[in-house]
Amino acid sequence: MKLVVAIVHNEDASALVDALLERQYRATRLHSSGGFLKQSNATVIVGVEEVQVEEVLGVVRANCTSRSQIVNPMPPITEPGEFYMPYPVEVELGGAVVFVLPVDRFERI
C-alpha cells in the first residue's frame, strides 16, 4: 500500500480530484499554502496499491500544469535613507510536487 501526497496549485485541484474520482480513486483535498509566494494551494492525498501508483501519477501529470506569472518581489529590509526599486520577476507556478510514501497499515472504519 502507498500514500500519494500531491501538492498542487489551487486552480488544478478540482480537476485533479474529479479525474481521480472518475477512475474510482478515493481522494482527500486539504487546503494548504506555500512558503515562497505565500499563495494558497491544495494537498491531495490518495491511498492506493503499489501497482496503481503510476496510473495515479499519470492523472496528476495530465491535470496539473505549470504556468508563468509576473510577481513583485518583497523588498528587503533597508536602512533609513536607502531606496529599493522592485522589478517584477517572472516565476513558474503550478505543476505538482508529489510524494509517494509506504503505508504499513490501512483501515477504513
Protein backbone atom coordinates (compact mmCIF):
# COMPACT_ATOMS: atom_id res chain seq x y z
CA MET A 1 0.00 0.00 0.00
CA LYS A 2 1.21 3.52 -0.84
CA LEU A 3 0.10 7.01 0.12
CA VAL A 4 0.38 9.51 -2.74
CA VAL A 5 0.61 13.10 -1.49
CA ALA A 6 0.34 15.70 -4.28
CA ILE A 7 0.79 19.40 -3.56
CA VAL A 8 -0.86 21.24 -6.46
CA HIS A 9 -1.94 24.73 -7.49
CA ASN A 10 -5.46 25.64 -6.36
CA GLU A 11 -6.56 26.11 -9.98
CA ASP A 12 -5.70 22.47 -10.74
CA ALA A 13 -7.01 20.82 -7.57
CA SER A 14 -10.68 20.45 -8.51
CA ALA A 15 -9.93 18.95 -11.92
CA LEU A 16 -7.42 16.56 -10.33
CA VAL A 17 -9.84 15.34 -7.66
CA ASP A 18 -12.61 14.93 -10.27
CA ALA A 19 -10.29 12.91 -12.55
CA LEU A 20 -9.23 10.67 -9.66
CA LEU A 21 -12.84 10.07 -8.61
CA GLU A 22 -13.79 9.18 -12.22
CA ARG A 23 -11.18 6.41 -12.05
CA GLN A 24 -12.58 5.17 -8.72
CA TYR A 25 -9.71 6.51 -6.59
CA ARG A 26 -10.78 7.99 -3.28
CA ALA A 27 -9.02 11.30 -2.76
CA THR A 28 -8.94 13.84 0.04
CA ARG A 29 -8.25 17.51 -0.68
CA LEU A 30 -6.69 19.67 2.02
CA HIS A 31 -6.22 23.42 1.73
CA SER A 32 -2.62 24.50 2.27
CA SER A 33 -0.34 27.42 1.48
CA GLY A 34 3.13 27.64 0.03
CA GLY A 35 6.14 29.27 1.57
CA PHE A 36 7.74 31.03 -1.40
CA LEU A 37 4.90 33.21 -2.70
CA LYS A 38 2.58 32.59 0.24
CA GLN A 39 -0.20 31.62 -2.17
CA SER A 40 -2.81 29.04 -1.36
CA ASN A 41 -2.56 25.61 -2.90
CA ALA A 42 -4.07 22.22 -2.26
CA THR A 43 -2.70 18.95 -0.95
CA VAL A 44 -4.43 15.91 -2.44
CA ILE A 45 -3.87 12.56 -0.72
CA VAL A 46 -4.72 9.18 -2.19
CA GLY A 47 -4.16 5.71 -0.76
CA VAL A 48 -3.52 3.11 -3.48
CA GLU A 49 -1.97 -0.27 -4.07
CA GLU A 50 1.62 -0.16 -5.30
CA VAL A 51 0.64 -1.25 -8.84
CA GLN A 52 -1.73 1.75 -9.10
CA VAL A 53 0.87 4.43 -8.26
CA GLU A 54 1.94 5.02 -11.88
CA GLU A 55 -1.67 5.46 -13.02
CA VAL A 56 -2.31 7.99 -10.25
CA LEU A 57 0.88 9.85 -11.18
CA GLY A 58 -0.34 9.92 -14.79
CA VAL A 59 -3.60 11.51 -13.67
CA VAL A 60 -1.64 14.12 -11.72
CA ARG A 61 0.57 14.86 -14.75
CA ALA A 62 -2.45 15.22 -17.02
CA ASN A 63 -4.32 17.61 -14.72
CA CYS A 64 -1.63 19.75 -13.09
CA THR A 65 0.09 22.14 -15.46
CA SER A 66 2.74 24.73 -14.77
CA ARG A 67 2.23 28.35 -15.77
CA SER A 68 4.23 31.56 -15.64
CA GLN A 69 3.22 34.60 -13.62
CA ILE A 70 4.76 38.01 -13.07
CA VAL A 71 5.18 38.89 -9.37
CA ASN A 72 6.69 41.79 -7.49
CA PRO A 73 9.32 40.54 -5.05
CA MET A 74 9.13 41.53 -1.42
CA PRO A 75 11.51 44.41 -0.67
CA PRO A 76 14.49 43.59 1.52
CA ILE A 77 14.89 45.30 4.87
CA THR A 78 16.70 48.54 4.16
CA GLU A 79 18.34 51.18 6.30
CA PRO A 80 16.74 54.63 6.59
CA GLY A 81 17.55 56.67 3.53
CA GLU A 82 18.18 53.66 1.29
CA PHE A 83 16.00 53.23 -1.77
CA TYR A 84 14.83 49.92 -3.24
CA MET A 85 13.16 49.69 -6.63
CA PRO A 86 11.48 46.29 -7.03
CA TYR A 87 11.33 44.92 -10.55
CA PRO A 88 8.67 42.38 -11.48
CA VAL A 89 10.01 38.86 -11.81
CA GLU A 90 8.57 36.02 -13.87
CA VAL A 91 8.15 32.82 -11.84
CA GLU A 92 6.79 29.40 -12.70
CA LEU A 93 3.71 28.33 -10.75
CA GLY A 94 1.60 25.22 -10.77
CA GLY A 95 2.56 21.73 -11.68
CA ALA A 96 2.76 19.38 -8.74
CA VAL A 97 5.11 18.16 -6.07
CA VAL A 98 4.34 14.53 -5.35
CA PHE A 99 5.49 12.28 -2.53
CA VAL A 100 4.86 8.52 -2.57
CA LEU A 101 5.07 7.08 0.93
CA PRO A 102 4.88 3.48 2.17
CA VAL A 103 1.87 2.60 4.31
CA ASP A 104 2.36 -0.04 6.99
CA ARG A 105 -1.31 -0.33 7.88
CA PHE A 106 -4.60 0.86 6.42
CA GLU A 107 -8.06 0.62 7.97
CA ARG A 108 -11.39 2.01 6.83
CA ILE A 109 -13.58 2.49 9.88
